[in-house]
Protein backbone atom coordinates (compact mmCIF):
# COMPACT_ATOMS: atom_id res chain seq x y z
CA TYR A 1 26.43 18.18 -0.85
CA THR A 2 30.19 18.87 -1.40
CA GLY A 3 30.21 18.85 -5.14
CA GLU A 4 32.20 15.58 -5.57
CA VAL A 5 31.30 13.44 -8.29
CA LEU A 6 29.83 10.28 -6.94
CA ALA A 7 29.53 8.66 -10.35
CA ASP A 8 30.38 9.30 -13.89
CA ALA A 9 28.33 6.24 -16.32
CA THR A 10 27.60 6.02 -20.02
CA PRO A 11 25.43 3.03 -20.79
CA LEU A 12 27.06 0.78 -23.62
CA GLY A 13 26.18 2.06 -27.08
CA GLN A 14 25.11 5.57 -25.65
CA THR A 15 27.18 8.72 -26.38
CA GLU A 16 27.13 11.52 -23.67
CA SER A 17 24.93 13.53 -26.20
CA THR A 18 22.57 10.96 -26.74
CA LEU A 19 22.44 9.92 -23.10
CA ARG A 20 21.78 13.75 -22.22
CA ARG A 21 18.50 13.66 -24.05
CA PHE A 22 17.05 10.90 -21.90
CA ALA A 23 18.17 11.79 -18.37
CA GLU A 24 20.01 14.54 -16.46
CA GLY A 25 20.46 15.37 -12.89
CA PHE A 26 20.76 18.65 -11.47
CA LEU A 27 21.48 20.23 -7.70
CA ILE A 28 18.48 22.45 -7.34
CA GLY A 29 19.16 24.33 -4.09
CA ASP A 30 18.07 23.99 -0.64
CA LEU A 31 14.25 23.22 -0.74
CA ASP A 32 13.38 22.27 2.79
CA GLY A 33 15.75 24.49 4.67
CA ASP A 34 18.11 21.67 6.17
CA GLY A 35 21.11 23.56 4.71
CA LEU A 36 21.60 20.68 2.01
CA ASP A 37 20.88 20.96 -1.66
CA GLU A 38 18.42 18.80 -3.12
CA LEU A 39 18.94 16.57 -6.27
CA ALA A 40 16.65 16.73 -9.20
CA ILE A 41 16.77 13.80 -11.84
CA GLY A 42 14.63 14.40 -14.93
CA TRP A 43 13.65 11.56 -17.25
CA ALA A 44 12.47 13.17 -20.76
CA GLN A 45 11.13 10.15 -22.28
CA ASP A 46 8.98 8.77 -19.35
CA SER A 47 5.34 8.55 -20.59
CA GLU A 48 3.46 7.74 -17.43
CA GLY A 49 1.42 11.23 -17.88
CA GLY A 50 1.03 10.98 -21.68
CA PRO A 51 3.43 10.28 -24.78
CA GLN A 52 6.94 11.39 -23.87
CA SER A 53 5.47 13.60 -21.02
CA GLY A 54 8.61 13.12 -18.83
CA GLN A 55 9.19 12.98 -15.01
CA VAL A 56 11.22 14.63 -12.46
CA TRP A 57 12.19 12.93 -9.08
CA ILE A 58 13.96 14.95 -6.42
CA TYR A 59 15.90 13.33 -3.71
CA ARG A 60 16.51 15.09 -0.51
CA GLY A 61 20.08 16.15 0.52
CA SER A 62 22.00 14.06 3.21
CA ALA A 63 24.51 15.11 5.61
CA GLY A 64 26.10 11.65 5.63
CA ASP A 65 25.86 7.95 6.52
CA ALA A 66 25.98 6.27 9.63
CA LEU A 67 29.64 6.09 11.01
CA SER A 68 30.63 2.75 11.87
CA TYR A 69 32.74 2.30 15.07
CA CYS A 70 33.69 0.04 18.04
CA PRO A 71 34.45 -3.10 15.77
CA ALA A 72 33.09 -6.50 16.34
CA PRO A 73 34.99 -9.37 17.81
CA LEU A 74 35.08 -12.65 15.88
CA HIS A 75 32.09 -15.00 17.12
CA SER A 76 32.21 -18.93 17.15
CA GLY A 77 31.70 -19.03 13.46
CA GLY A 78 34.93 -17.26 12.81
CA LYS A 79 33.57 -14.14 11.19
CA SER A 80 32.84 -10.68 12.80
CA ALA A 81 29.26 -9.59 12.25
CA ARG A 82 28.73 -6.18 10.53
CA LEU A 83 25.83 -3.72 11.03
CA GLN A 84 24.79 -1.61 8.30
CA LEU A 85 22.13 0.86 7.95
CA ASP A 86 20.01 0.46 4.76
CA GLY A 87 18.09 3.86 4.13
CA SER A 88 18.72 7.69 4.46
CA LEU A 89 18.99 9.24 8.02
CA SER A 90 15.58 11.05 7.66
CA LEU A 91 13.00 10.92 10.28
CA ILE A 92 10.23 10.92 7.39
CA ASN A 93 11.87 7.94 5.84
CA ASP A 94 9.49 4.92 6.00
CA ASP A 95 11.58 2.47 4.17
CA MET A 96 14.65 1.81 6.58
CA TRP A 97 16.41 -1.06 7.38
CA LEU A 98 19.01 -2.32 10.00
CA GLN A 99 21.07 -5.43 8.65
CA VAL A 100 23.61 -7.61 10.05
CA TYR A 101 26.12 -9.31 7.44
CA ASP A 102 28.31 -12.33 8.44
CA GLY A 103 26.19 -13.00 11.57
CA LEU A 104 26.02 -16.27 13.08
CA PRO A 105 23.78 -18.47 11.61
CA GLY A 106 20.60 -19.73 13.14
CA SER A 107 21.16 -17.24 16.36
CA LEU A 108 18.73 -15.18 17.89
CA CYS A 109 19.59 -11.46 17.10
CA LEU A 110 18.33 -8.30 18.90
CA PHE A 111 18.52 -4.75 17.59
CA LEU A 112 19.41 -2.01 20.13
CA ALA A 113 19.72 1.86 20.24
CA ALA A 114 20.61 4.41 22.75
CA ALA A 115 20.84 8.19 22.83
CA GLY A 116 24.47 9.78 22.26
CA THR A 117 27.70 8.00 21.14
CA HIS A 118 29.77 5.76 23.54
CA SER A 119 33.15 5.17 21.71
CA SER A 120 34.24 2.33 23.79
CA PRO A 121 32.86 -1.03 24.83
CA THR A 122 31.70 -0.90 28.15
CA GLY A 123 30.29 -3.69 30.59
CA THR A 124 30.64 -7.44 30.54
CA ASN A 125 29.34 -7.85 27.07
CA GLY A 126 31.49 -4.90 25.55
CA LEU A 127 28.47 -3.10 24.18
CA CYS A 128 28.95 0.54 23.06
CA LEU A 129 25.23 1.43 23.94
CA GLY A 130 26.15 3.06 27.43
CA ASN A 131 24.20 1.82 30.33
CA GLN A 132 20.95 3.96 30.23
CA GLY A 133 17.99 4.58 27.97
CA VAL A 134 18.42 1.12 25.57
CA PHE A 135 15.80 0.82 23.17
CA ARG A 136 15.02 -2.65 21.58
CA LEU A 137 14.32 -2.02 17.73
CA GLY A 138 11.71 -4.31 16.09
CA GLN A 139 11.07 -7.97 17.56
CA PRO A 140 13.92 -10.38 17.84
CA THR A 141 14.85 -12.20 14.68
CA LEU A 142 16.58 -15.39 13.58
CA THR A 143 20.05 -15.00 11.83
CA ARG A 144 19.51 -16.77 8.18
CA LEU A 145 22.14 -19.50 7.17
CA ASP A 146 23.71 -17.04 4.89
CA GLY A 147 24.61 -14.69 8.01
CA LEU A 148 22.03 -12.20 7.47
CA ALA A 149 19.77 -10.64 10.11
CA GLU A 150 17.51 -7.78 9.49
CA THR A 151 14.85 -5.54 11.06
CA GLU A 152 12.60 -2.62 9.61
CA LEU A 153 13.16 0.69 11.26
CA ASP A 154 9.83 2.08 11.78
CA VAL A 155 10.74 5.68 12.69
CA THR A 156 7.17 7.23 12.36
CA ASN A 157 5.09 4.47 14.50
CA ALA A 158 7.36 2.77 16.82
CA PRO A 159 7.53 3.45 20.71
CA TYR A 160 10.97 4.60 20.69
CA ALA A 161 10.43 7.05 17.93
CA ALA A 162 9.18 9.53 20.47
CA SER A 163 12.93 9.97 21.55
CA TRP A 164 14.37 10.62 18.29
CA PHE A 165 14.34 14.42 17.04
CA PRO A 166 16.28 15.86 13.96
CA GLY A 167 19.79 16.74 15.10
CA SER A 168 19.99 14.03 17.87
CA THR A 169 22.75 11.47 17.79
CA TRP A 170 22.17 7.76 18.45
CA THR A 171 24.07 4.81 18.63
CA LEU A 172 22.79 1.34 17.02
CA GLN A 173 24.23 -2.19 17.78
CA ALA A 174 22.94 -5.74 17.44
CA VAL A 175 23.59 -8.44 19.85
CA PHE A 176 23.08 -12.05 19.11
CA ARG A 177 23.29 -15.59 21.00
CA ASP A 178 26.57 -17.09 20.89
CA THR A 179 26.65 -20.43 22.65
CA GLY A 180 29.97 -21.67 21.29
CA ALA A 181 31.86 -18.55 22.55
CA ALA A 182 33.42 -17.71 25.81
CA VAL A 183 30.77 -15.01 26.44
CA PRO A 184 27.78 -16.40 25.12
CA LEU A 185 26.32 -12.79 23.67
CA GLY A 186 27.98 -11.85 20.64
CA ARG A 187 27.94 -8.16 19.08
CA THR A 188 28.35 -6.31 15.88
CA ASN A 189 30.09 -3.08 15.50
CA ALA A 190 28.07 0.03 16.75
CA LEU A 191 26.81 2.63 14.20
CA ALA A 192 26.58 6.45 15.12
CA LEU A 193 24.10 8.36 13.33
CA GLN A 194 22.39 11.98 13.48
CA TRP A 195 18.90 12.16 12.54
CA GLY A 196 17.77 14.73 9.83
CA TRP A 197 14.18 15.59 8.53
C-alpha cells in the first residue's frame, strides 16, 4: 500500500536470478475499487493445471491492522492478557480469529465488541467498550493451560454481522473470570479496527 518493502528473502542455495524463475510478486493496481493496490504472486512451476502450467494468487490490499490500545492490567497469574486479530479486516473474509495470549489458564473467557472506539477504561471493570450496544462474539470458551483462548469471527452469518459495514469502526476486547484478583473480572487490551470489503 505504501511501497514499503515488507520482506526480502532468498532461500538458501538460491540466487536472485534463479529465484526469479519460480515466484514473483507484483502490485497490479486497485482491482476492487477500495483505493488499495492488490498484490499478485505468480508461481511459474506450479503443475496443478498441467505440467509447469503455473498459477497466480491475488491478495487484496489492506488499509492496516487492528490498532491495540487500552493496555490490560496484570491478572492474578502475573501476566497481562493480550488480544490479537488473526486475519484481514475484510467483511468477506470467512477465516478470521480473535485470540488471547497470556490469559489466565482455566478461566472462562468472553469476546466482546462495540461500535466506535472508547479510548479510556470506563465502568467498574475498566472496559474500553462504552456502555451501549455491546455484542458477544462467539460462545464463552475456557482458556487453555498455555494461556490461549480463541474464537472464530463469523462475519457473514453471525447475528452481530448485520451491524458491521465497510468503513465502520469497532472496538474488540476479551474479559475473563479472575477469582484471585481484587476485581473478579479480568480484561485484555482493546483492539480498534475499521472494516473493509
